[in-house]
Every structure is written in structure tokens, then in C-alpha cells.
């Protein structure tokens, strides 16, 4: 959380999710 390379990732606009499952969940839409 405090590593400079992770900070650079955030600055570059890269979204880092908690897990692969979380990444897969970004493809699950709202039921409505």
C-alpha cells in the first residue's frame, strides 16, 4: 500500500482489484 511502484500504478490510472474473482465480477452487470 505504501510502495512507490504501487503508487505509480495508481498515478498511471491502472486499477488494481483485490483478486481475480473481483476482476471477473466487473463483467457481471446489474440485473435490472
ModelCIF file with pLDDT and N, C-alpha, C, O atoms, coordinates in Angstrom:
data_MODEL
#
_entry.id   MODEL 
#
_entity.id                         1 
_entity.type                       polymer 
_entity.pdbx_number_of_molecules   1 
#
_entity_poly.entity_id                      1 
_entity_poly.type                           'polypeptide(L)' 
_entity_poly.nstd_linkage                   no 
_entity_poly.nstd_monomer                   no 
_entity_poly.pdbx_seq_one_letter_code       
;(UNK)(UNK)(UNK)(UNK)(UNK)(UNK)(UNK)(UNK)(UNK)(UNK)(UNK)(UNK)(UNK)(UNK)(UNK)(UNK)
(UNK)(UNK)(UNK)(UNK)(UNK)(UNK)(UNK)(UNK)(UNK)(UNK)(UNK)(UNK)(UNK)(UNK)(UNK)(UNK)
;
_entity_poly.pdbx_seq_one_letter_code_can   XXXXXXXXXXXXXXXXXXXXXXXXXXXXXXXX 
_entity_poly.pdbx_strand_id                 A 
#
loop_
_entity_poly_seq.entity_id 
_entity_poly_seq.num 
_entity_poly_seq.mon_id 
_entity_poly_seq.hetero 
1 1  UNK n 
1 2  UNK n 
1 3  UNK n 
1 4  UNK n 
1 5  UNK n 
1 6  UNK n 
1 7  UNK n 
1 8  UNK n 
1 9  UNK n 
1 10 UNK n 
1 11 UNK n 
1 12 UNK n 
1 13 UNK n 
1 14 UNK n 
1 15 UNK n 
1 16 UNK n 
1 17 UNK n 
1 18 UNK n 
1 19 UNK n 
1 20 UNK n 
1 21 UNK n 
1 22 UNK n 
1 23 UNK n 
1 24 UNK n 
1 25 UNK n 
1 26 UNK n 
1 27 UNK n 
1 28 UNK n 
1 29 UNK n 
1 30 UNK n 
1 31 UNK n 
1 32 UNK n 
#
_struct_asym.id          A 
_struct_asym.entity_id   1 
#
loop_
_ma_qa_metric.id 
_ma_qa_metric.mode 
_ma_qa_metric.name 
_ma_qa_metric.software_group_id 
_ma_qa_metric.type 
1 global pLDDT . pLDDT 
2 local  pLDDT . pLDDT 
#
_ma_qa_metric_global.metric_id      1 
_ma_qa_metric_global.metric_value   83.59 
_ma_qa_metric_global.model_id       1 
_ma_qa_metric_global.ordinal_id     1 
#
loop_
_ma_qa_metric_local.label_asym_id 
_ma_qa_metric_local.label_comp_id 
_ma_qa_metric_local.label_seq_id 
_ma_qa_metric_local.metric_id 
_ma_qa_metric_local.metric_value 
_ma_qa_metric_local.model_id 
_ma_qa_metric_local.ordinal_id 
A UNK 1  2 84.00 1 1  
A UNK 2  2 83.00 1 2  
A UNK 3  2 84.00 1 3  
A UNK 4  2 82.00 1 4  
A UNK 5  2 78.00 1 5  
A UNK 6  2 76.00 1 6  
A UNK 7  2 69.00 1 7  
A UNK 8  2 72.00 1 8  
A UNK 9  2 71.00 1 9  
A UNK 10 2 61.00 1 10 
A UNK 11 2 53.00 1 11 
A UNK 12 2 65.00 1 12 
A UNK 13 2 63.00 1 13 
A UNK 14 2 72.00 1 14 
A UNK 15 2 78.00 1 15 
A UNK 16 2 86.00 1 16 
A UNK 17 2 91.00 1 17 
A UNK 18 2 90.00 1 18 
A UNK 19 2 93.00 1 19 
A UNK 20 2 93.00 1 20 
A UNK 21 2 94.00 1 21 
A UNK 22 2 95.00 1 22 
A UNK 23 2 94.00 1 23 
A UNK 24 2 95.00 1 24 
A UNK 25 2 95.00 1 25 
A UNK 26 2 94.00 1 26 
A UNK 27 2 96.00 1 27 
A UNK 28 2 94.00 1 28 
A UNK 29 2 90.00 1 29 
A UNK 30 2 92.00 1 30 
A UNK 31 2 95.00 1 31 
A UNK 32 2 97.00 1 32 
#
loop_
_atom_site.group_PDB 
_atom_site.id 
_atom_site.type_symbol 
_atom_site.label_atom_id 
_atom_site.label_alt_id 
_atom_site.label_comp_id 
_atom_site.label_asym_id 
_atom_site.label_entity_id 
_atom_site.label_seq_id 
_atom_site.pdbx_PDB_ins_code 
_atom_site.Cartn_x 
_atom_site.Cartn_y 
_atom_site.Cartn_z 
_atom_site.occupancy 
_atom_site.B_iso_or_equiv 
_atom_site.pdbx_formal_charge 
_atom_site.auth_seq_id 
_atom_site.auth_comp_id 
_atom_site.auth_asym_id 
_atom_site.auth_atom_id 
_atom_site.pdbx_PDB_model_num 
ATOM 1   N N  . UNK A 1 1  ? 0.809   -1.220  0.000   1.00 84.00 ? 1  UNK A N  1 
ATOM 2   C CA . UNK A 1 1  ? 0.000   0.000   0.000   1.00 84.00 ? 1  UNK A CA 1 
ATOM 3   C C  . UNK A 1 1  ? 0.843   1.271   0.000   1.00 84.00 ? 1  UNK A C  1 
ATOM 4   O O  . UNK A 1 1  ? 0.388   2.322   -0.451  1.00 84.00 ? 1  UNK A O  1 
ATOM 5   N N  . UNK A 1 2  ? 2.063   1.174   0.503   1.00 83.00 ? 2  UNK A N  1 
ATOM 6   C CA . UNK A 1 2  ? 2.909   2.367   0.556   1.00 83.00 ? 2  UNK A CA 1 
ATOM 7   C C  . UNK A 1 2  ? 4.143   2.244   -0.338  1.00 83.00 ? 2  UNK A C  1 
ATOM 8   O O  . UNK A 1 2  ? 5.069   3.047   -0.226  1.00 83.00 ? 2  UNK A O  1 
ATOM 9   N N  . UNK A 1 3  ? 4.163   1.255   -1.213  1.00 84.00 ? 3  UNK A N  1 
ATOM 10  C CA . UNK A 1 3  ? 5.326   1.076   -2.077  1.00 84.00 ? 3  UNK A CA 1 
ATOM 11  C C  . UNK A 1 3  ? 5.262   2.064   -3.243  1.00 84.00 ? 3  UNK A C  1 
ATOM 12  O O  . UNK A 1 3  ? 4.197   2.243   -3.833  1.00 84.00 ? 3  UNK A O  1 
ATOM 13  N N  . UNK A 1 4  ? 6.386   2.711   -3.586  1.00 82.00 ? 4  UNK A N  1 
ATOM 14  C CA . UNK A 1 4  ? 6.388   3.706   -4.675  1.00 82.00 ? 4  UNK A CA 1 
ATOM 15  C C  . UNK A 1 4  ? 5.905   3.160   -6.018  1.00 82.00 ? 4  UNK A C  1 
ATOM 16  O O  . UNK A 1 4  ? 5.267   3.890   -6.776  1.00 82.00 ? 4  UNK A O  1 
ATOM 17  N N  . UNK A 1 5  ? 6.195   1.887   -6.332  1.00 78.00 ? 5  UNK A N  1 
ATOM 18  C CA . UNK A 1 5  ? 5.760   1.330   -7.607  1.00 78.00 ? 5  UNK A CA 1 
ATOM 19  C C  . UNK A 1 5  ? 4.253   1.136   -7.651  1.00 78.00 ? 5  UNK A C  1 
ATOM 20  O O  . UNK A 1 5  ? 3.641   1.273   -8.711  1.00 78.00 ? 5  UNK A O  1 
ATOM 21  N N  . UNK A 1 6  ? 3.647   0.819   -6.510  1.00 76.00 ? 6  UNK A N  1 
ATOM 22  C CA . UNK A 1 6  ? 2.189   0.746   -6.462  1.00 76.00 ? 6  UNK A CA 1 
ATOM 23  C C  . UNK A 1 6  ? 1.593   2.144   -6.600  1.00 76.00 ? 6  UNK A C  1 
ATOM 24  O O  . UNK A 1 6  ? 0.560   2.323   -7.245  1.00 76.00 ? 6  UNK A O  1 
ATOM 25  N N  . UNK A 1 7  ? 2.237   3.116   -6.002  1.00 69.00 ? 7  UNK A N  1 
ATOM 26  C CA . UNK A 1 7  ? 1.768   4.500   -6.126  1.00 69.00 ? 7  UNK A CA 1 
ATOM 27  C C  . UNK A 1 7  ? 1.822   4.945   -7.581  1.00 69.00 ? 7  UNK A C  1 
ATOM 28  O O  . UNK A 1 7  ? 0.923   5.635   -8.060  1.00 69.00 ? 7  UNK A O  1 
ATOM 29  N N  . UNK A 1 8  ? 2.879   4.546   -8.278  1.00 72.00 ? 8  UNK A N  1 
ATOM 30  C CA . UNK A 1 8  ? 2.988   4.909   -9.684  1.00 72.00 ? 8  UNK A CA 1 
ATOM 31  C C  . UNK A 1 8  ? 1.890   4.254   -10.511 1.00 72.00 ? 8  UNK A C  1 
ATOM 32  O O  . UNK A 1 8  ? 1.387   4.847   -11.465 1.00 72.00 ? 8  UNK A O  1 
ATOM 33  N N  . UNK A 1 9  ? 1.519   3.033   -10.144 1.00 71.00 ? 9  UNK A N  1 
ATOM 34  C CA . UNK A 1 9  ? 0.430   2.349   -10.829 1.00 71.00 ? 9  UNK A CA 1 
ATOM 35  C C  . UNK A 1 9  ? -0.857  3.147   -10.721 1.00 71.00 ? 9  UNK A C  1 
ATOM 36  O O  . UNK A 1 9  ? -1.594  3.297   -11.696 1.00 71.00 ? 9  UNK A O  1 
ATOM 37  N N  . UNK A 1 10 ? -1.119  3.656   -9.527  1.00 61.00 ? 10 UNK A N  1 
ATOM 38  C CA . UNK A 1 10 ? -2.323  4.464   -9.313  1.00 61.00 ? 10 UNK A CA 1 
ATOM 39  C C  . UNK A 1 10 ? -2.267  5.740   -10.132 1.00 61.00 ? 10 UNK A C  1 
ATOM 40  O O  . UNK A 1 10 ? -3.252  6.125   -10.762 1.00 61.00 ? 10 UNK A O  1 
ATOM 41  N N  . UNK A 1 11 ? -1.118  6.394   -10.125 1.00 53.00 ? 11 UNK A N  1 
ATOM 42  C CA . UNK A 1 11 ? -0.953  7.640   -10.880 1.00 53.00 ? 11 UNK A CA 1 
ATOM 43  C C  . UNK A 1 11 ? -1.152  7.397   -12.373 1.00 53.00 ? 11 UNK A C  1 
ATOM 44  O O  . UNK A 1 11 ? -1.719  8.236   -13.073 1.00 53.00 ? 11 UNK A O  1 
ATOM 45  N N  . UNK A 1 12 ? -0.685  6.253   -12.855 1.00 65.00 ? 12 UNK A N  1 
ATOM 46  C CA . UNK A 1 12 ? -0.827  5.915   -14.274 1.00 65.00 ? 12 UNK A CA 1 
ATOM 47  C C  . UNK A 1 12 ? -2.266  5.562   -14.645 1.00 65.00 ? 12 UNK A C  1 
ATOM 48  O O  . UNK A 1 12 ? -2.576  5.395   -15.825 1.00 65.00 ? 12 UNK A O  1 
ATOM 49  N N  . UNK A 1 13 ? -3.141  5.446   -13.658 1.00 63.00 ? 13 UNK A N  1 
ATOM 50  C CA . UNK A 1 13 ? -4.545  5.162   -13.922 1.00 63.00 ? 13 UNK A CA 1 
ATOM 51  C C  . UNK A 1 13 ? -4.896  3.688   -13.981 1.00 63.00 ? 13 UNK A C  1 
ATOM 52  O O  . UNK A 1 13 ? -6.009  3.332   -14.366 1.00 63.00 ? 13 UNK A O  1 
ATOM 53  N N  . UNK A 1 14 ? -3.952  2.819   -13.601 1.00 72.00 ? 14 UNK A N  1 
ATOM 54  C CA . UNK A 1 14 ? -4.227  1.385   -13.603 1.00 72.00 ? 14 UNK A CA 1 
ATOM 55  C C  . UNK A 1 14 ? -5.044  1.012   -12.367 1.00 72.00 ? 14 UNK A C  1 
ATOM 56  O O  . UNK A 1 14 ? -4.667  1.332   -11.240 1.00 72.00 ? 14 UNK A O  1 
ATOM 57  N N  . UNK A 1 15 ? -6.159  0.334   -12.595 1.00 78.00 ? 15 UNK A N  1 
ATOM 58  C CA . UNK A 1 15 ? -6.996  -0.127  -11.489 1.00 78.00 ? 15 UNK A CA 1 
ATOM 59  C C  . UNK A 1 15 ? -6.527  -1.513  -11.061 1.00 78.00 ? 15 UNK A C  1 
ATOM 60  O O  . UNK A 1 15 ? -6.460  -2.430  -11.880 1.00 78.00 ? 15 UNK A O  1 
ATOM 61  N N  . UNK A 1 16 ? -6.204  -1.667  -9.795  1.00 86.00 ? 16 UNK A N  1 
ATOM 62  C CA . UNK A 1 16 ? -5.763  -2.965  -9.255  1.00 86.00 ? 16 UNK A CA 1 
ATOM 63  C C  . UNK A 1 16 ? -6.834  -3.454  -8.280  1.00 86.00 ? 16 UNK A C  1 
ATOM 64  O O  . UNK A 1 16 ? -7.100  -2.818  -7.260  1.00 86.00 ? 16 UNK A O  1 
ATOM 65  N N  . UNK A 1 17 ? -7.436  -4.582  -8.609  1.00 91.00 ? 17 UNK A N  1 
ATOM 66  C CA . UNK A 1 17 ? -8.517  -5.123  -7.800  1.00 91.00 ? 17 UNK A CA 1 
ATOM 67  C C  . UNK A 1 17 ? -7.985  -6.120  -6.777  1.00 91.00 ? 17 UNK A C  1 
ATOM 68  O O  . UNK A 1 17 ? -6.826  -6.531  -6.835  1.00 91.00 ? 17 UNK A O  1 
ATOM 69  N N  . UNK A 1 18 ? -8.845  -6.500  -5.845  1.00 90.00 ? 18 UNK A N  1 
ATOM 70  C CA . UNK A 1 18 ? -8.413  -7.323  -4.716  1.00 90.00 ? 18 UNK A CA 1 
ATOM 71  C C  . UNK A 1 18 ? -8.074  -8.750  -5.118  1.00 90.00 ? 18 UNK A C  1 
ATOM 72  O O  . UNK A 1 18 ? -7.264  -9.397  -4.455  1.00 90.00 ? 18 UNK A O  1 
ATOM 73  N N  . UNK A 1 19 ? -8.679  -9.255  -6.194  1.00 93.00 ? 19 UNK A N  1 
ATOM 74  C CA . UNK A 1 19 ? -8.471  -10.655 -6.580  1.00 93.00 ? 19 UNK A CA 1 
ATOM 75  C C  . UNK A 1 19 ? -8.925  -10.859 -8.015  1.00 93.00 ? 19 UNK A C  1 
ATOM 76  O O  . UNK A 1 19 ? -9.538  -9.977  -8.617  1.00 93.00 ? 19 UNK A O  1 
ATOM 77  N N  . UNK A 1 20 ? -8.618  -12.038 -8.559  1.00 93.00 ? 20 UNK A N  1 
ATOM 78  C CA . UNK A 1 20 ? -9.104  -12.363 -9.902  1.00 93.00 ? 20 UNK A CA 1 
ATOM 79  C C  . UNK A 1 20 ? -10.618 -12.452 -9.897  1.00 93.00 ? 20 UNK A C  1 
ATOM 80  O O  . UNK A 1 20 ? -11.266 -12.076 -10.874 1.00 93.00 ? 20 UNK A O  1 
ATOM 81  N N  . UNK A 1 21 ? -11.183 -12.941 -8.820  1.00 94.00 ? 21 UNK A N  1 
ATOM 82  C CA . UNK A 1 21 ? -12.640 -13.011 -8.722  1.00 94.00 ? 21 UNK A CA 1 
ATOM 83  C C  . UNK A 1 21 ? -13.248 -11.619 -8.832  1.00 94.00 ? 21 UNK A C  1 
ATOM 84  O O  . UNK A 1 21 ? -14.281 -11.434 -9.477  1.00 94.00 ? 21 UNK A O  1 
ATOM 85  N N  . UNK A 1 22 ? -12.608 -10.648 -8.204  1.00 95.00 ? 22 UNK A N  1 
ATOM 86  C CA . UNK A 1 22 ? -13.093 -9.271  -8.284  1.00 95.00 ? 22 UNK A CA 1 
ATOM 87  C C  . UNK A 1 22 ? -13.021 -8.752  -9.712  1.00 95.00 ? 22 UNK A C  1 
ATOM 88  O O  . UNK A 1 22 ? -13.899 -8.011  -10.154 1.00 95.00 ? 22 UNK A O  1 
ATOM 89  N N  . UNK A 1 23 ? -11.959 -9.148  -10.444 1.00 94.00 ? 23 UNK A N  1 
ATOM 90  C CA . UNK A 1 23 ? -11.849 -8.749  -11.845 1.00 94.00 ? 23 UNK A CA 1 
ATOM 91  C C  . UNK A 1 23 ? -12.976 -9.368  -12.663 1.00 94.00 ? 23 UNK A C  1 
ATOM 92  O O  . UNK A 1 23 ? -13.605 -8.686  -13.471 1.00 94.00 ? 23 UNK A O  1 
ATOM 93  N N  . UNK A 1 24 ? -13.232 -10.658 -12.457 1.00 95.00 ? 24 UNK A N  1 
ATOM 94  C CA . UNK A 1 24 ? -14.326 -11.320 -13.166 1.00 95.00 ? 24 UNK A CA 1 
ATOM 95  C C  . UNK A 1 24 ? -15.669 -10.675 -12.840 1.00 95.00 ? 24 UNK A C  1 
ATOM 96  O O  . UNK A 1 24 ? -16.549 -10.591 -13.697 1.00 95.00 ? 24 UNK A O  1 
ATOM 97  N N  . UNK A 1 25 ? -15.820 -10.224 -11.608 1.00 95.00 ? 25 UNK A N  1 
ATOM 98  C CA . UNK A 1 25 ? -17.084 -9.617  -11.189 1.00 95.00 ? 25 UNK A CA 1 
ATOM 99  C C  . UNK A 1 25 ? -17.348 -8.285  -11.894 1.00 95.00 ? 25 UNK A C  1 
ATOM 100 O O  . UNK A 1 25 ? -18.489 -7.824  -11.939 1.00 95.00 ? 25 UNK A O  1 
ATOM 101 N N  . UNK A 1 26 ? -16.291 -7.659  -12.448 1.00 94.00 ? 26 UNK A N  1 
ATOM 102 C CA . UNK A 1 26 ? -16.520 -6.410  -13.178 1.00 94.00 ? 26 UNK A CA 1 
ATOM 103 C C  . UNK A 1 26 ? -17.296 -6.653  -14.465 1.00 94.00 ? 26 UNK A C  1 
ATOM 104 O O  . UNK A 1 26 ? -17.787 -5.706  -15.080 1.00 94.00 ? 26 UNK A O  1 
ATOM 105 N N  . UNK A 1 27 ? -17.413 -7.915  -14.880 1.00 96.00 ? 27 UNK A N  1 
ATOM 106 C CA . UNK A 1 27 ? -18.174 -8.259  -16.086 1.00 96.00 ? 27 UNK A CA 1 
ATOM 107 C C  . UNK A 1 27 ? -19.605 -8.668  -15.765 1.00 96.00 ? 27 UNK A C  1 
ATOM 108 O O  . UNK A 1 27 ? -20.375 -9.000  -16.666 1.00 96.00 ? 27 UNK A O  1 
ATOM 109 N N  . UNK A 1 28 ? -19.956 -8.646  -14.508 1.00 94.00 ? 28 UNK A N  1 
ATOM 110 C CA . UNK A 1 28 ? -21.322 -9.001  -14.081 1.00 94.00 ? 28 UNK A CA 1 
ATOM 111 C C  . UNK A 1 28 ? -22.113 -7.714  -13.935 1.00 94.00 ? 28 UNK A C  1 
ATOM 112 O O  . UNK A 1 28 ? -21.794 -6.868  -13.099 1.00 94.00 ? 28 UNK A O  1 
ATOM 113 N N  . UNK A 1 29 ? -23.143 -7.571  -14.750 1.00 90.00 ? 29 UNK A N  1 
ATOM 114 C CA . UNK A 1 29 ? -23.911 -6.339  -14.745 1.00 90.00 ? 29 UNK A CA 1 
ATOM 115 C C  . UNK A 1 29 ? -25.054 -6.327  -13.758 1.00 90.00 ? 29 UNK A C  1 
ATOM 116 O O  . UNK A 1 29 ? -25.340 -7.320  -13.089 1.00 90.00 ? 29 UNK A O  1 
ATOM 117 N N  . UNK A 1 30 ? -25.693 -5.196  -13.683 1.00 92.00 ? 30 UNK A N  1 
ATOM 118 C CA . UNK A 1 30 ? -26.861 -5.029  -12.836 1.00 92.00 ? 30 UNK A CA 1 
ATOM 119 C C  . UNK A 1 30 ? -28.037 -5.814  -13.419 1.00 92.00 ? 30 UNK A C  1 
ATOM 120 O O  . UNK A 1 30 ? -28.295 -5.747  -14.621 1.00 92.00 ? 30 UNK A O  1 
ATOM 121 N N  . UNK A 1 31 ? -28.733 -6.542  -12.586 1.00 95.00 ? 31 UNK A N  1 
ATOM 122 C CA . UNK A 1 31 ? -29.832 -7.398  -13.041 1.00 95.00 ? 31 UNK A CA 1 
ATOM 123 C C  . UNK A 1 31 ? -30.918 -6.588  -13.735 1.00 95.00 ? 31 UNK A C  1 
ATOM 124 O O  . UNK A 1 31 ? -31.531 -7.063  -14.691 1.00 95.00 ? 31 UNK A O  1 
ATOM 125 N N  . UNK A 1 32 ? -31.157 -5.385  -13.270 1.00 97.00 ? 32 UNK A N  1 
ATOM 126 C CA . UNK A 1 32 ? -32.181 -4.540  -13.886 1.00 97.00 ? 32 UNK A CA 1 
ATOM 127 C C  . UNK A 1 32 ? -31.798 -4.159  -15.312 1.00 97.00 ? 32 UNK A C  1 
ATOM 128 O O  . UNK A 1 32 ? -32.546 -3.448  -15.984 1.00 97.00 ? 32 UNK A O  1 
#
